[in-house]
């Protein structure tokens, strides 16, 4: 039996698709989607916006290769590379920051969001009212699994009152 994709002459492997089309369906959610080569022929543009290369038989992200070339050695264990302009395909050295860990990388993104929203990278966003404010005006909740979040006392009190009234109605 042949692959169910029109014009494909390969034999079926799984779910009516040949191996190539099945893998495209699994990776990209579309059996007809394939890796997109960059116009200059170097690397492949992935569906998530990153560019990868075949390096010594392994697929390596281009921004990691660029960062390692700049520092002259492999990235330290746990390090992550941040794109300053948030364009995952812009792998110029001046657009990359090597973060020591995931927490620092997340902090950079949080500060960038605050700067874009309110003009102050030190402000935090209340998850209840969705507004940014100085941490002096907020309380901090720290959970065991996360670094916690900042919120306004009035906002959490209103949310708790709302939850209590909903529980009482049922």
Protein backbone atom coordinates (compact mmCIF):
# COMPACT_ATOMS: atom_id res chain seq x y z
CA UNK A 1 0.00 0.00 0.00
CA UNK A 2 1.18 3.51 -0.80
CA UNK A 3 1.27 6.63 1.36
CA UNK A 4 -2.10 8.41 1.46
CA UNK A 5 -0.53 11.74 0.42
CA UNK A 6 -1.35 12.47 -3.24
CA UNK A 7 1.66 11.94 -5.50
CA UNK A 8 3.77 10.14 -2.85
CA UNK A 9 5.04 6.76 -4.10
CA UNK A 10 6.55 5.56 -0.81
CA UNK A 11 4.96 2.68 1.10
CA UNK A 12 2.76 3.21 4.16
CA UNK A 13 4.44 2.90 7.54
CA UNK A 14 2.01 4.30 10.11
CA UNK A 15 -1.46 5.88 10.11
CA UNK A 16 -1.63 5.62 6.32
CA UNK A 17 1.51 7.72 5.85
CA UNK A 18 5.04 6.94 4.74
CA UNK A 19 7.81 7.55 7.27
CA UNK A 20 8.67 11.02 5.88
CA UNK A 21 5.09 12.30 5.98
CA UNK A 22 4.39 10.64 9.33
CA UNK A 23 7.40 12.39 10.91
CA UNK A 24 6.33 15.74 9.43
CA UNK A 25 2.85 15.22 10.90
CA UNK A 26 4.35 14.33 14.29
CA UNK A 27 6.88 17.20 14.35
CA UNK A 28 4.92 20.04 12.75
CA UNK A 29 1.27 18.92 12.86
CA UNK A 30 1.17 18.85 9.05
CA UNK A 31 2.32 15.90 6.90
CA UNK A 32 3.25 18.26 4.05
CA UNK A 33 5.38 20.61 6.16
CA UNK A 34 9.11 20.07 5.87
CA UNK A 35 12.21 21.74 7.18
CA UNK A 36 12.71 25.04 5.43
CA UNK A 37 16.24 25.69 4.27
CA UNK A 38 17.49 29.23 4.71
CA UNK A 39 17.91 31.25 1.49
CA UNK A 40 21.72 31.12 1.81
CA UNK A 41 21.57 27.30 2.10
CA UNK A 42 22.92 27.15 5.66
CA UNK A 43 20.81 25.58 8.36
CA UNK A 44 17.10 24.90 8.53
CA UNK A 45 14.38 27.17 9.86
CA UNK A 46 12.32 25.18 12.35
CA UNK A 47 8.59 25.63 12.94
CA UNK A 48 9.35 27.31 16.31
CA UNK A 49 11.45 30.01 14.61
CA UNK A 50 14.90 28.73 15.59
CA UNK A 51 17.56 27.77 13.04
CA UNK A 52 19.41 24.52 13.44
CA UNK A 53 22.40 22.94 11.74
CA UNK A 54 23.70 19.43 11.28
CA UNK A 55 26.90 19.60 13.33
CA UNK A 56 28.95 16.40 13.64
CA UNK A 57 25.84 14.32 12.95
CA UNK A 58 23.66 16.11 15.54
CA UNK A 59 21.08 18.88 15.12
CA UNK A 60 22.41 21.92 17.01
CA UNK A 61 20.66 25.27 17.35
CA UNK A 62 22.50 28.02 15.50
CA UNK A 63 22.38 30.52 18.37
CA UNK A 64 24.14 27.99 20.62
CA UNK A 65 26.86 27.47 17.99
CA UNK A 66 27.33 31.25 17.66
CA UNK A 67 27.51 31.76 21.45
CA UNK A 68 30.00 28.91 21.83
CA UNK A 69 32.16 30.34 19.04
CA UNK A 70 32.19 33.76 20.74
CA UNK A 71 33.25 32.40 24.14
CA UNK A 72 35.59 29.84 22.57
CA UNK A 73 34.22 26.81 24.42
CA UNK A 74 30.97 24.88 24.96
CA UNK A 75 28.28 26.61 26.98
CA UNK A 76 28.34 25.77 30.69
CA UNK A 77 25.83 23.16 31.85
CA UNK A 78 22.39 24.74 32.33
CA UNK A 79 23.26 27.95 30.46
CA UNK A 80 20.70 29.38 28.03
CA UNK A 81 21.05 31.87 25.18
CA UNK A 82 18.70 34.87 25.09
CA UNK A 83 17.81 36.78 21.90
CA UNK A 84 17.71 40.48 22.79
CA UNK A 85 15.28 41.40 19.99
CA UNK A 86 13.27 38.18 20.61
CA UNK A 87 13.76 37.20 16.95
CA UNK A 88 14.83 33.55 17.17
CA UNK A 89 16.33 33.66 13.67
CA UNK A 90 18.59 36.67 14.43
CA UNK A 91 21.74 34.93 15.64
CA UNK A 92 24.20 37.80 15.33
CA UNK A 93 26.58 37.80 18.33
CA UNK A 94 25.49 41.32 19.36
CA UNK A 95 21.88 40.05 19.65
CA UNK A 96 22.71 37.18 22.02
CA UNK A 97 23.14 37.10 25.80
CA UNK A 98 24.40 34.00 27.57
CA UNK A 99 22.32 33.42 30.71
CA UNK A 100 23.79 31.27 33.50
CA UNK A 101 20.50 29.43 34.01
CA UNK A 102 16.81 29.28 33.11
CA UNK A 103 15.79 31.49 36.05
CA UNK A 104 17.96 34.36 34.83
CA UNK A 105 16.64 33.92 31.28
CA UNK A 106 13.05 34.10 32.56
CA UNK A 107 13.94 37.23 34.57
CA UNK A 108 15.21 38.94 31.41
CA UNK A 109 11.91 38.22 29.65
CA UNK A 110 9.87 39.42 32.65
CA UNK A 111 11.85 42.68 32.78
CA UNK A 112 11.44 43.16 29.01
CA UNK A 113 7.66 42.72 29.31
CA UNK A 114 7.52 45.24 32.18
CA UNK A 115 9.63 47.75 30.25
CA UNK A 116 7.42 47.43 27.17
CA UNK A 117 4.19 47.71 29.18
CA UNK A 118 4.90 50.44 31.71
CA UNK A 119 8.40 51.78 31.05
CA UNK A 120 9.91 50.44 34.28
CA UNK A 121 11.73 47.07 34.20
CA UNK A 122 11.58 46.82 38.00
CA UNK A 123 7.77 46.77 38.15
CA UNK A 124 5.85 43.51 38.49
CA UNK A 125 2.48 42.51 37.08
CA UNK A 126 -0.36 41.67 39.45
CA UNK A 127 -1.94 38.41 38.21
CA UNK A 128 -5.38 39.55 39.41
CA UNK A 129 -5.78 43.09 38.04
CA UNK A 130 -3.12 42.67 35.31
CA UNK A 131 -1.51 46.04 36.05
CA UNK A 132 2.17 46.74 36.68
CA UNK A 133 3.26 48.36 39.93
CA UNK A 134 6.30 48.86 42.15
CA UNK A 135 7.05 45.86 44.38
CA UNK A 136 6.84 48.14 47.44
CA UNK A 137 3.10 48.41 46.77
CA UNK A 138 2.64 44.67 46.43
CA UNK A 139 2.89 41.48 48.46
CA UNK A 140 5.02 38.52 47.45
CA UNK A 141 3.78 34.94 47.43
CA UNK A 142 6.47 32.30 47.30
CA UNK A 143 5.53 28.73 46.52
CA UNK A 144 7.74 25.67 46.87
CA UNK A 145 7.90 24.98 43.12
CA UNK A 146 8.07 28.53 41.73
CA UNK A 147 9.77 31.77 42.65
CA UNK A 148 6.33 33.14 43.45
CA UNK A 149 4.55 36.22 42.22
CA UNK A 150 3.71 39.73 43.31
CA UNK A 151 0.12 40.88 43.82
CA UNK A 152 -1.89 43.70 45.33
CA UNK A 153 -3.52 42.90 48.68
CA UNK A 154 -6.82 44.42 47.53
CA UNK A 155 -6.79 42.26 44.39
CA UNK A 156 -6.26 38.94 46.18
CA UNK A 157 -8.83 39.89 48.84
CA UNK A 158 -11.39 40.63 46.11
CA UNK A 159 -10.58 37.34 44.36
CA UNK A 160 -10.97 35.41 47.63
CA UNK A 161 -14.30 37.11 48.37
CA UNK A 162 -15.51 36.26 44.87
CA UNK A 163 -14.46 32.62 45.26
CA UNK A 164 -16.19 32.42 48.64
CA UNK A 165 -19.43 33.84 47.25
CA UNK A 166 -19.35 31.34 44.39
CA UNK A 167 -18.81 28.47 46.86
CA UNK A 168 -21.71 29.71 48.99
CA UNK A 169 -24.06 29.84 45.98
CA UNK A 170 -23.58 26.16 45.20
